[in-house]
Amino acid sequence: MFSLFGKSNFNSVSAAELKDKIGNVNLIDVREVYEYKSGHVPKAKNVPLGTITAQPDKYLDKEKEYYIICQSGARSASACRALAGAGYRVVNVSGGTGSYPFGLER
């Protein structure tokens, strides 16, 4: 019941901190396709939450690190919990695209 308050097994960065990392990290946007098309952080690859958590081995390599983003940070945190629990190296982008202070691509 209190596992929500336990230590997570993944790190987080703010959306603003992501700016200097773009192009140098594997960035995955776990929002639905229509959300992604309405505006996403440059270089982000779209793999919806249900897809990536159902078949992570199809999209991820356990030897690489991935930054996971969504709209607000809730879905990306959920994805990070599931993926880190399965042995993947993930970093949550807290605040998501909604708090990304730079231009989004469409």
PDB file of N, CA and C in Angstrom:
ATOM      1  N   MET A   1       0.801  -1.189   0.000  1.00  0.00           N
ATOM      2  CA  MET A   1       0.000   0.000   0.000  1.00  0.00           C
ATOM      3  C   MET A   1       0.851   1.264   0.000  1.00  0.00           C
ATOM      4  N   PHE A   2       1.970   1.261   0.685  1.00  0.00           N
ATOM      5  CA  PHE A   2       2.804   2.454   0.747  1.00  0.00           C
ATOM      6  C   PHE A   2       3.964   2.419  -0.238  1.00  0.00           C
ATOM      7  N   SER A   3       3.947   1.518  -1.206  1.00  0.00           N
ATOM      8  CA  SER A   3       5.034   1.441  -2.174  1.00  0.00           C
ATOM      9  C   SER A   3       5.134   2.700  -3.023  1.00  0.00           C
ATOM     10  N   LEU A   4       4.064   3.467  -3.085  1.00  0.00           N
ATOM     11  CA  LEU A   4       4.090   4.745  -3.799  1.00  0.00           C
ATOM     12  C   LEU A   4       5.154   5.664  -3.234  1.00  0.00           C
ATOM     13  N   PHE A   5       5.402   5.550  -1.944  1.00  0.00           N
ATOM     14  CA  PHE A   5       6.331   6.445  -1.280  1.00  0.00           C
ATOM     15  C   PHE A   5       7.744   5.884  -1.180  1.00  0.00           C
ATOM     16  N   GLY A   6       7.928   4.693  -1.687  1.00  0.00           N
ATOM     17  CA  GLY A   6       9.248   4.073  -1.635  1.00  0.00           C
ATOM     18  C   GLY A   6      10.189   4.682  -2.657  1.00  0.00           C
ATOM     19  N   LYS A   7      11.452   4.375  -2.540  1.00  0.00           N
ATOM     20  CA  LYS A   7      12.455   4.882  -3.465  1.00  0.00           C
ATOM     21  C   LYS A   7      12.244   4.248  -4.837  1.00  0.00           C
ATOM     22  N   SER A   8      12.265   5.079  -5.863  1.00  0.00           N
ATOM     23  CA  SER A   8      12.105   4.555  -7.218  1.00  0.00           C
ATOM     24  C   SER A   8      13.442   3.986  -7.686  1.00  0.00           C
ATOM     25  N   ASN A   9      13.379   3.095  -8.646  1.00  0.00           N
ATOM     26  CA  ASN A   9      14.602   2.498  -9.167  1.00  0.00           C
ATOM     27  C   ASN A   9      14.970   3.114 -10.518  1.00  0.00           C
ATOM     28  N   PHE A  10      14.654   4.400 -10.673  1.00  0.00           N
ATOM     29  CA  PHE A  10      15.036   5.159 -11.847  1.00  0.00           C
ATOM     30  C   PHE A  10      15.230   6.624 -11.440  1.00  0.00           C
ATOM     31  N   ASN A  11      16.007   7.338 -12.235  1.00  0.00           N
ATOM     32  CA  ASN A  11      16.257   8.755 -11.979  1.00  0.00           C
ATOM     33  C   ASN A  11      15.269   9.609 -12.748  1.00  0.00           C
ATOM     34  N   SER A  12      15.206  10.874 -12.403  1.00  0.00           N
ATOM     35  CA  SER A  12      14.360  11.829 -13.114  1.00  0.00           C
ATOM     36  C   SER A  12      15.151  13.087 -13.432  1.00  0.00           C
ATOM     37  N   VAL A  13      14.780  13.738 -14.522  1.00  0.00           N
ATOM     38  CA  VAL A  13      15.301  15.052 -14.877  1.00  0.00           C
ATOM     39  C   VAL A  13      14.093  15.921 -15.205  1.00  0.00           C
ATOM     40  N   SER A  14      14.255  17.225 -15.102  1.00  0.00           N
ATOM     41  CA  SER A  14      13.162  18.121 -15.469  1.00  0.00           C
ATOM     42  C   SER A  14      13.141  18.270 -16.988  1.00  0.00           C
ATOM     43  N   ALA A  15      12.005  18.713 -17.494  1.00  0.00           N
ATOM     44  CA  ALA A  15      11.879  18.939 -18.935  1.00  0.00           C
ATOM     45  C   ALA A  15      12.880  19.995 -19.399  1.00  0.00           C
ATOM     46  N   ALA A  16      13.128  21.005 -18.582  1.00  0.00           N
ATOM     47  CA  ALA A  16      14.093  22.053 -18.941  1.00  0.00           C
ATOM     48  C   ALA A  16      15.510  21.492 -19.044  1.00  0.00           C
ATOM     49  N   GLU A  17      15.852  20.547 -18.179  1.00  0.00           N
ATOM     50  CA  GLU A  17      17.192  19.931 -18.208  1.00  0.00           C
ATOM     51  C   GLU A  17      17.424  19.112 -19.471  1.00  0.00           C
ATOM     52  N   LEU A  18      16.353  18.740 -20.132  1.00  0.00           N
ATOM     53  CA  LEU A  18      16.440  17.906 -21.328  1.00  0.00           C
ATOM     54  C   LEU A  18      17.059  18.645 -22.508  1.00  0.00           C
ATOM     55  N   LYS A  19      16.913  19.943 -22.563  1.00  0.00           N
ATOM     56  CA  LYS A  19      17.354  20.764 -23.706  1.00  0.00           C
ATOM     57  C   LYS A  19      18.781  20.443 -24.145  1.00  0.00           C
ATOM     58  N   ASP A  20      19.713  20.404 -23.226  1.00  0.00           N
ATOM     59  CA  ASP A  20      21.114  20.167 -23.572  1.00  0.00           C
ATOM     60  C   ASP A  20      21.420  18.714 -23.901  1.00  0.00           C
ATOM     61  N   LYS A  21      20.477  17.833 -23.652  1.00  0.00           N
ATOM     62  CA  LYS A  21      20.690  16.412 -23.894  1.00  0.00           C
ATOM     63  C   LYS A  21      20.121  15.946 -25.245  1.00  0.00           C
ATOM     64  N   ILE A  22      19.252  16.762 -25.842  1.00  0.00           N
ATOM     65  CA  ILE A  22      18.587  16.365 -27.093  1.00  0.00           C
ATOM     66  C   ILE A  22      19.622  16.072 -28.167  1.00  0.00           C
ATOM     67  N   GLY A  23      19.455  14.942 -28.816  1.00  0.00           N
ATOM     68  CA  GLY A  23      20.393  14.496 -29.827  1.00  0.00           C
ATOM     69  C   GLY A  23      21.483  13.598 -29.268  1.00  0.00           C
ATOM     70  N   ASN A  24      21.638  13.617 -27.936  1.00  0.00           N
ATOM     71  CA  ASN A  24      22.668  12.799 -27.292  1.00  0.00           C
ATOM     72  C   ASN A  24      22.089  11.679 -26.442  1.00  0.00           C
ATOM     73  N   VAL A  25      20.753  11.637 -26.332  1.00  0.00           N
ATOM     74  CA  VAL A  25      20.092  10.588 -25.549  1.00  0.00           C
ATOM     75  C   VAL A  25      18.983   9.966 -26.392  1.00  0.00           C
ATOM     76  N   ASN A  26      18.571   8.774 -25.994  1.00  0.00           N
ATOM     77  CA  ASN A  26      17.433   8.112 -26.622  1.00  0.00           C
ATOM     78  C   ASN A  26      16.182   8.603 -25.909  1.00  0.00           C
ATOM     79  N   LEU A  27      15.378   9.400 -26.604  1.00  0.00           N
ATOM     80  CA  LEU A  27      14.195  10.014 -26.019  1.00  0.00           C
ATOM     81  C   LEU A  27      12.937   9.361 -26.578  1.00  0.00           C
ATOM     82  N   ILE A  28      12.106   8.832 -25.675  1.00  0.00           N
ATOM     83  CA  ILE A  28      10.870   8.164 -26.089  1.00  0.00           C
ATOM     84  C   ILE A  28       9.677   8.869 -25.472  1.00  0.00           C
ATOM     85  N   ASP A  29       8.736   9.239 -26.332  1.00  0.00           N
ATOM     86  CA  ASP A  29       7.493   9.888 -25.929  1.00  0.00           C
ATOM     87  C   ASP A  29       6.420   8.803 -25.861  1.00  0.00           C
ATOM     88  N   VAL A  30       5.867   8.564 -24.669  1.00  0.00           N
ATOM     89  CA  VAL A  30       4.912   7.468 -24.474  1.00  0.00           C
ATOM     90  C   VAL A  30       3.448   7.902 -24.601  1.00  0.00           C
ATOM     91  N   ARG A  31       3.222   9.105 -25.106  1.00  0.00           N
ATOM     92  CA  ARG A  31       1.841   9.546 -25.322  1.00  0.00           C
ATOM     93  C   ARG A  31       1.253   8.839 -26.537  1.00  0.00           C
ATOM     94  N   GLU A  32      -0.047   8.961 -26.701  1.00  0.00           N
ATOM     95  CA  GLU A  32      -0.717   8.385 -27.863  1.00  0.00           C
ATOM     96  C   GLU A  32      -0.289   9.144 -29.121  1.00  0.00           C
ATOM     97  N   VAL A  33      -0.443   8.508 -30.273  1.00  0.00           N
ATOM     98  CA  VAL A  33       0.008   9.070 -31.544  1.00  0.00           C
ATOM     99  C   VAL A  33      -0.584  10.464 -31.792  1.00  0.00           C
ATOM    100  N   TYR A  34      -1.878  10.643 -31.554  1.00  0.00           N
ATOM    101  CA  TYR A  34      -2.499  11.947 -31.814  1.00  0.00           C
ATOM    102  C   TYR A  34      -1.919  13.032 -30.904  1.00  0.00           C
ATOM    103  N   GLU A  35      -1.537  12.671 -29.675  1.00  0.00           N
ATOM    104  CA  GLU A  35      -0.920  13.640 -28.770  1.00  0.00           C
ATOM    105  C   GLU A  35       0.470  14.027 -29.266  1.00  0.00           C
ATOM    106  N   TYR A  36       1.226  13.028 -29.677  1.00  0.00           N
ATOM    107  CA  TYR A  36       2.575  13.234 -30.195  1.00  0.00           C
ATOM    108  C   TYR A  36       2.532  14.155 -31.413  1.00  0.00           C
ATOM    109  N   LYS A  37       1.585  13.903 -32.306  1.00  0.00           N
ATOM    110  CA  LYS A  37       1.476  14.707 -33.525  1.00  0.00           C
ATOM    111  C   LYS A  37       1.084  16.149 -33.240  1.00  0.00           C
ATOM    112  N   SER A  38       0.465  16.407 -32.091  1.00  0.00           N
ATOM    113  CA  SER A  38       0.064  17.778 -31.755  1.00  0.00           C
ATOM    114  C   SER A  38       1.249  18.607 -31.256  1.00  0.00           C
ATOM    115  N   GLY A  39       2.374  17.982 -30.991  1.00  0.00           N
ATOM    116  CA  GLY A  39       3.583  18.677 -30.565  1.00  0.00           C
ATOM    117  C   GLY A  39       4.429  17.813 -29.668  1.00  0.00           C
ATOM    118  N   HIS A  40       5.698  17.647 -30.026  1.00  0.00           N
ATOM    119  CA  HIS A  40       6.607  16.803 -29.239  1.00  0.00           C
ATOM    120  C   HIS A  40       7.992  17.446 -29.165  1.00  0.00           C
ATOM    121  N   VAL A  41       8.747  17.017 -28.185  1.00  0.00           N
ATOM    122  CA  VAL A  41      10.120  17.488 -28.016  1.00  0.00           C
ATOM    123  C   VAL A  41      10.929  16.996 -29.218  1.00  0.00           C
ATOM    124  N   PRO A  42      11.767  17.857 -29.798  1.00  0.00           N
ATOM    125  CA  PRO A  42      12.582  17.438 -30.938  1.00  0.00           C
ATOM    126  C   PRO A  42      13.365  16.148 -30.647  1.00  0.00           C
ATOM    127  N   LYS A  43      13.450  15.305 -31.649  1.00  0.00           N
ATOM    128  CA  LYS A  43      14.186  14.028 -31.615  1.00  0.00           C
ATOM    129  C   LYS A  43      13.488  12.923 -30.827  1.00  0.00           C
ATOM    130  N   ALA A  44      12.310  13.195 -30.263  1.00  0.00           N
ATOM    131  CA  ALA A  44      11.597  12.157 -29.507  1.00  0.00           C
ATOM    132  C   ALA A  44      10.967  11.158 -30.471  1.00  0.00           C
ATOM    133  N   LYS A  45      11.080   9.899 -30.121  1.00  0.00           N
ATOM    134  CA  LYS A  45      10.449   8.821 -30.878  1.00  0.00           C
ATOM    135  C   LYS A  45       9.155   8.454 -30.156  1.00  0.00           C
ATOM    136  N   ASN A  46       8.080   8.255 -30.888  1.00  0.00           N
ATOM    137  CA  ASN A  46       6.790   7.946 -30.277  1.00  0.00           C
ATOM    138  C   ASN A  46       6.554   6.438 -30.184  1.00  0.00           C
ATOM    139  N   VAL A  47       6.425   5.942 -28.950  1.00  0.00           N
ATOM    140  CA  VAL A  47       6.016   4.567 -28.681  1.00  0.00           C
ATOM    141  C   VAL A  47       5.023   4.653 -27.523  1.00  0.00           C
ATOM    142  N   PRO A  48       3.710   4.563 -27.814  1.00  0.00           N
ATOM    143  CA  PRO A  48       2.704   4.724 -26.754  1.00  0.00           C
ATOM    144  C   PRO A  48       2.918   3.797 -25.555  1.00  0.00           C
ATOM    145  N   LEU A  49       2.484   4.276 -24.395  1.00  0.00           N
ATOM    146  CA  LEU A  49       2.675   3.572 -23.136  1.00  0.00           C
ATOM    147  C   LEU A  49       2.266   2.102 -23.202  1.00  0.00           C
ATOM    148  N   GLY A  50       1.071   1.824 -23.674  1.00  0.00           N
ATOM    149  CA  GLY A  50       0.586   0.440 -23.734  1.00  0.00           C
ATOM    150  C   GLY A  50       1.446  -0.452 -24.611  1.00  0.00           C
ATOM    151  N   THR A  51       1.981   0.129 -25.658  1.00  0.00           N
ATOM    152  CA  THR A  51       2.831  -0.619 -26.591  1.00  0.00           C
ATOM    153  C   THR A  51       4.189  -0.921 -25.981  1.00  0.00           C
ATOM    154  N   ILE A  52       4.819   0.100 -25.421  1.00  0.00           N
ATOM    155  CA  ILE A  52       6.180  -0.085 -24.901  1.00  0.00           C
ATOM    156  C   ILE A  52       6.212  -0.970 -23.660  1.00  0.00           C
ATOM    157  N   THR A  53       5.168  -0.912 -22.846  1.00  0.00           N
ATOM    158  CA  THR A  53       5.160  -1.762 -21.647  1.00  0.00           C
ATOM    159  C   THR A  53       4.764  -3.197 -21.979  1.00  0.00           C
ATOM    160  N   ALA A  54       4.023  -3.390 -23.070  1.00  0.00           N
ATOM    161  CA  ALA A  54       3.628  -4.744 -23.472  1.00  0.00           C
ATOM    162  C   ALA A  54       4.754  -5.476 -24.191  1.00  0.00           C
ATOM    163  N   GLN A  55       5.561  -4.741 -24.955  1.00  0.00           N
ATOM    164  CA  GLN A  55       6.633  -5.355 -25.747  1.00  0.00           C
ATOM    165  C   GLN A  55       7.921  -4.542 -25.668  1.00  0.00           C
ATOM    166  N   PRO A  56       8.473  -4.348 -24.491  1.00  0.00           N
ATOM    167  CA  PRO A  56       9.665  -3.491 -24.388  1.00  0.00           C
ATOM    168  C   PRO A  56      10.852  -4.010 -25.195  1.00  0.00           C
ATOM    169  N   ASP A  57      11.006  -5.322 -25.273  1.00  0.00           N
ATOM    170  CA  ASP A  57      12.149  -5.882 -25.993  1.00  0.00           C
ATOM    171  C   ASP A  57      12.103  -5.577 -27.488  1.00  0.00           C
ATOM    172  N   LYS A  58      10.945  -5.236 -27.998  1.00  0.00           N
ATOM    173  CA  LYS A  58      10.809  -4.879 -29.408  1.00  0.00           C
ATOM    174  C   LYS A  58      11.338  -3.466 -29.676  1.00  0.00           C
ATOM    175  N   TYR A  59      11.348  -2.611 -28.648  1.00  0.00           N
ATOM    176  CA  TYR A  59      11.701  -1.209 -28.821  1.00  0.00           C
ATOM    177  C   TYR A  59      12.947  -0.769 -28.069  1.00  0.00           C
ATOM    178  N   LEU A  60      13.337  -1.518 -27.047  1.00  0.00           N
ATOM    179  CA  LEU A  60      14.439  -1.103 -26.187  1.00  0.00           C
ATOM    180  C   LEU A  60      15.546  -2.143 -26.118  1.00  0.00           C
ATOM    181  N   ASP A  61      16.732  -1.670 -25.822  1.00  0.00           N
ATOM    182  CA  ASP A  61      17.910  -2.510 -25.635  1.00  0.00           C
ATOM    183  C   ASP A  61      18.359  -2.308 -24.187  1.00  0.00           C
ATOM    184  N   LYS A  62      18.507  -3.368 -23.440  1.00  0.00           N
ATOM    185  CA  LYS A  62      18.885  -3.253 -22.024  1.00  0.00           C
ATOM    186  C   LYS A  62      20.283  -2.672 -21.825  1.00  0.00           C
ATOM    187  N   GLU A  63      21.071  -2.603 -22.879  1.00  0.00           N
ATOM    188  CA  GLU A  63      22.414  -2.031 -22.780  1.00  0.00           C
ATOM    189  C   GLU A  63      22.410  -0.513 -22.940  1.00  0.00           C
ATOM    190  N   LYS A  64      21.278   0.063 -23.344  1.00  0.00           N
ATOM    191  CA  LYS A  64      21.187   1.504 -23.574  1.00  0.00           C
ATOM    192  C   LYS A  64      20.317   2.169 -22.520  1.00  0.00           C
ATOM    193  N   GLU A  65      20.472   3.474 -22.393  1.00  0.00           N
ATOM    194  CA  GLU A  65      19.660   4.250 -21.468  1.00  0.00           C
ATOM    195  C   GLU A  65      18.639   5.053 -22.272  1.00  0.00           C
ATOM    196  N   TYR A  66      17.426   5.171 -21.733  1.00  0.00           N
ATOM    197  CA  TYR A  66      16.333   5.861 -22.413  1.00  0.00           C
ATOM    198  C   TYR A  66      15.721   6.916 -21.501  1.00  0.00           C
ATOM    199  N   TYR A  67      15.430   8.065 -22.072  1.00  0.00           N
ATOM    200  CA  TYR A  67      14.703   9.123 -21.385  1.00  0.00           C
ATOM    201  C   TYR A  67      13.246   8.997 -21.828  1.00  0.00           C
ATOM    202  N   ILE A  68      12.347   8.910 -20.860  1.00  0.00           N
ATOM    203  CA  ILE A  68      10.930   8.669 -21.138  1.00  0.00           C
ATOM    204  C   ILE A  68      10.140   9.926 -20.794  1.00  0.00           C
ATOM    205  N   ILE A  69       9.326  10.387 -21.765  1.00  0.00           N
ATOM    206  CA  ILE A  69       8.554  11.621 -21.588  1.00  0.00           C
ATOM    207  C   ILE A  69       7.098  11.386 -21.977  1.00  0.00           C
ATOM    208  N   CYS A  70       6.203  12.162 -21.365  1.00  0.00           N
ATOM    209  CA  CYS A  70       4.785  12.152 -21.729  1.00  0.00           C
ATOM    210  C   CYS A  70       4.303  13.602 -21.682  1.00  0.00           C
ATOM    211  N   GLN A  71       3.055  13.848 -21.367  1.00  0.00           N
ATOM    212  CA  GLN A  71       2.547  15.218 -21.304  1.00  0.00           C
ATOM    213  C   GLN A  71       2.890  15.906 -19.982  1.00  0.00           C
ATOM    214  N   SER A  72       2.712  15.183 -18.869  1.00  0.00           N
ATOM    215  CA  SER A  72       2.907  15.822 -17.562  1.00  0.00           C
ATOM    216  C   SER A  72       3.944  15.134 -16.675  1.00  0.00           C
ATOM    217  N   GLY A  73       4.315  13.926 -17.012  1.00  0.00           N
ATOM    218  CA  GLY A  73       5.261  13.171 -16.205  1.00  0.00           C
ATOM    219  C   GLY A  73       4.650  11.967 -15.513  1.00  0.00           C
ATOM    220  N   ALA A  74       3.317  11.860 -15.498  1.00  0.00           N
ATOM    221  CA  ALA A  74       2.670  10.736 -14.816  1.00  0.00           C
ATOM    222  C   ALA A  74       2.805   9.432 -15.602  1.00  0.00           C
ATOM    223  N   ARG A  75       2.477   9.462 -16.890  1.00  0.00           N
ATOM    224  CA  ARG A  75       2.600   8.244 -17.699  1.00  0.00           C
ATOM    225  C   ARG A  75       4.055   7.835 -17.867  1.00  0.00           C
ATOM    226  N   SER A  76       4.946   8.811 -17.998  1.00  0.00           N
ATOM    227  CA  SER A  76       6.360   8.459 -18.143  1.00  0.00           C
ATOM    228  C   SER A  76       6.889   7.840 -16.857  1.00  0.00           C
ATOM    229  N   ALA A  77       6.443   8.310 -15.703  1.00  0.00           N
ATOM    230  CA  ALA A  77       6.847   7.704 -14.428  1.00  0.00           C
ATOM    231  C   ALA A  77       6.318   6.278 -14.335  1.00  0.00           C
ATOM    232  N   SER A  78       5.093   6.069 -14.779  1.00  0.00           N
ATOM    233  CA  SER A  78       4.509   4.728 -14.782  1.00  0.00           C
ATOM    234  C   SER A  78       5.309   3.812 -15.703  1.00  0.00           C
ATOM    235  N   ALA A  79       5.647   4.320 -16.878  1.00  0.00           N
ATOM    236  CA  ALA A  79       6.457   3.539 -17.822  1.00  0.00           C
ATOM    237  C   ALA A  79       7.815   3.227 -17.221  1.00  0.00           C
ATOM    238  N   CYS A  80       8.426   4.204 -16.572  1.00  0.00           N
ATOM    239  CA  CYS A  80       9.745   4.006 -15.967  1.00  0.00           C
ATOM    240  C   CYS A  80       9.704   2.945 -14.873  1.00  0.00           C
ATOM    241  N   ARG A  81       8.663   2.960 -14.052  1.00  0.00           N
ATOM    242  CA  ARG A  81       8.528   1.931 -13.004  1.00  0.00           C
ATOM    243  C   ARG A  81       8.479   0.539 -13.634  1.00  0.00           C
ATOM    244  N   ALA A  82       7.649   0.387 -14.655  1.00  0.00           N
ATOM    245  CA  ALA A  82       7.506  -0.923 -15.304  1.00  0.00           C
ATOM    246  C   ALA A  82       8.791  -1.337 -16.017  1.00  0.00           C
ATOM    247  N   LEU A  83       9.382  -0.418 -16.756  1.00  0.00           N
ATOM    248  CA  LEU A  83      10.578  -0.754 -17.534  1.00  0.00           C
ATOM    249  C   LEU A  83      11.799  -0.989 -16.651  1.00  0.00           C
ATOM    250  N   ALA A  84      11.982  -0.160 -15.629  1.00  0.00           N
ATOM    251  CA  ALA A  84      13.100  -0.359 -14.706  1.00  0.00           C
ATOM    252  C   ALA A  84      12.932  -1.689 -13.978  1.00  0.00           C
ATOM    253  N   GLY A  85      11.701  -2.026 -13.633  1.00  0.00           N
ATOM    254  CA  GLY A  85      11.425  -3.304 -12.978  1.00  0.00           C
ATOM    255  C   GLY A  85      11.740  -4.495 -13.858  1.00  0.00           C
ATOM    256  N   ALA A  86      11.713  -4.266 -15.179  1.00  0.00           N
ATOM    257  CA  ALA A  86      12.032  -5.326 -16.138  1.00  0.00           C
ATOM    258  C   ALA A  86      13.504  -5.303 -16.548  1.00  0.00           C
ATOM    259  N   GLY A  87      14.282  -4.433 -15.912  1.00  0.00           N
ATOM    260  CA  GLY A  87      15.721  -4.412 -16.159  1.00  0.00           C
ATOM    261  C   GLY A  87      16.217  -3.397 -17.174  1.00  0.00           C
ATOM    262  N   TYR A  88      15.361  -2.481 -17.610  1.00  0.00           N
ATOM    263  CA  TYR A  88      15.779  -1.458 -18.566  1.00  0.00           C
ATOM    264  C   TYR A  88      16.292  -0.231 -17.830  1.00  0.00           C
ATOM    265  N   ARG A  89      17.228   0.472 -18.460  1.00  0.00           N
ATOM    266  CA  ARG A  89      17.811   1.689 -17.889  1.00  0.00           C
ATOM    267  C   ARG A  89      17.018   2.885 -18.402  1.00  0.00           C
ATOM    268  N   VAL A  90      16.241   3.495 -17.536  1.00  0.00           N
ATOM    269  CA  VAL A  90      15.352   4.582 -17.933  1.00  0.00           C
ATOM    270  C   VAL A  90      15.470   5.777 -16.996  1.00  0.00           C
ATOM    271  N   VAL A  91      15.182   6.945 -17.548  1.00  0.00           N
ATOM    272  CA  VAL A  91      15.167   8.202 -16.806  1.00  0.00           C
ATOM    273  C   VAL A  91      13.831   8.872 -17.106  1.00  0.00           C
ATOM    274  N   ASN A  92      13.113   9.247 -16.079  1.00  0.00           N
ATOM    275  CA  ASN A  92      11.838   9.929 -16.256  1.00  0.00           C
ATOM    276  C   ASN A  92      12.067  11.423 -16.492  1.00  0.00           C
ATOM    277  N   VAL A  93      11.336  11.979 -17.471  1.00  0.00           N
ATOM    278  CA  VAL A  93      11.367  13.424 -17.697  1.00  0.00           C
ATOM    279  C   VAL A  93      10.160  14.003 -16.974  1.00  0.00           C
ATOM    280  N   SER A  94      10.398  14.526 -15.776  1.00  0.00           N
ATOM    281  CA  SER A  94       9.300  15.048 -14.963  1.00  0.00           C
ATOM    282  C   SER A  94       8.785  16.358 -15.547  1.00  0.00           C
ATOM    283  N   GLY A  95       7.483  16.521 -15.476  1.00  0.00           N
ATOM    284  CA  GLY A  95       6.859  17.709 -16.047  1.00  0.00           C
ATOM    285  C   GLY A  95       6.439  17.530 -17.490  1.00  0.00           C
ATOM    286  N   GLY A  96       7.093  16.621 -18.192  1.00  0.00           N
ATOM    287  CA  GLY A  96       6.716  16.272 -19.559  1.00  0.00           C
ATOM    288  C   GLY A  96       6.754  17.413 -20.556  1.00  0.00           C
ATOM    289  N   THR A  97       6.138  17.151 -21.719  1.00  0.00           N
ATOM    290  CA  THR A  97       6.135  18.163 -22.776  1.00  0.00           C
ATOM    291  C   THR A  97       5.375  19.411 -22.347  1.00  0.00           C
ATOM    292  N   GLY A  98       4.442  19.258 -21.419  1.00  0.00           N
ATOM    293  CA  GLY A  98       3.684  20.407 -20.933  1.00  0.00           C
ATOM    294  C   GLY A  98       4.538  21.439 -20.226  1.00  0.00           C
ATOM    295  N   SER A  99       5.676  21.031 -19.707  1.00  0.00           N
ATOM    296  CA  SER A  99       6.564  21.991 -19.040  1.00  0.00           C
ATOM    297  C   SER A  99       7.872  22.190 -19.780  1.00  0.00           C
ATOM    298  N   TYR A 100       7.967  21.665 -21.002  1.00  0.00           N
ATOM    299  CA  TYR A 100       9.166  21.874 -21.815  1.00  0.00           C
ATOM    300  C   TYR A 100       9.164  23.334 -22.270  1.00  0.00           C
ATOM    301  N   PRO A 101      10.142  24.136 -21.813  1.00  0.00           N
ATOM    302  CA  PRO A 101      10.092  25.580 -22.060  1.00  0.00           C
ATOM    303  C   PRO A 101      10.622  26.021 -23.422  1.00  0.00           C
ATOM    304  N   PHE A 102      10.881  25.082 -24.306  1.00  0.00           N
ATOM    305  CA  PHE A 102      11.427  25.396 -25.616  1.00  0.00           C
ATOM    306  C   PHE A 102      10.430  24.942 -26.679  1.00  0.00           C
ATOM    307  N   GLY A 103      10.693  25.192 -27.921  1.00  0.00           N
ATOM    308  CA  GLY A 103       9.760  24.864 -28.985  1.00  0.00           C
ATOM    309  C   GLY A 103       9.548  23.378 -29.195  1.00  0.00           C
ATOM    310  N   LEU A 104       8.299  23.023 -29.475  1.00  0.00           N
ATOM    311  CA  LEU A 104       7.945  21.645 -29.805  1.00  0.00           C
ATOM    312  C   LEU A 104       7.884  21.499 -31.322  1.00  0.00           C
ATOM    313  N   GLU A 105       8.124  20.286 -31.803  1.00  0.00           N
ATOM    314  CA  GLU A 105       7.979  19.986 -33.218  1.00  0.00           C
ATOM    315  C   GLU A 105       6.604  19.461 -33.493  1.00  0.00           C
ATOM    316  N   ARG A 106       6.117  19.689 -34.676  1.00  0.00           N
ATOM    317  CA  ARG A 106       4.819  19.158 -35.107  1.00  0.00           C
ATOM    318  C   ARG A 106       4.977  18.433 -36.408  1.00  0.00           C
TER     319      ARG A 106
END
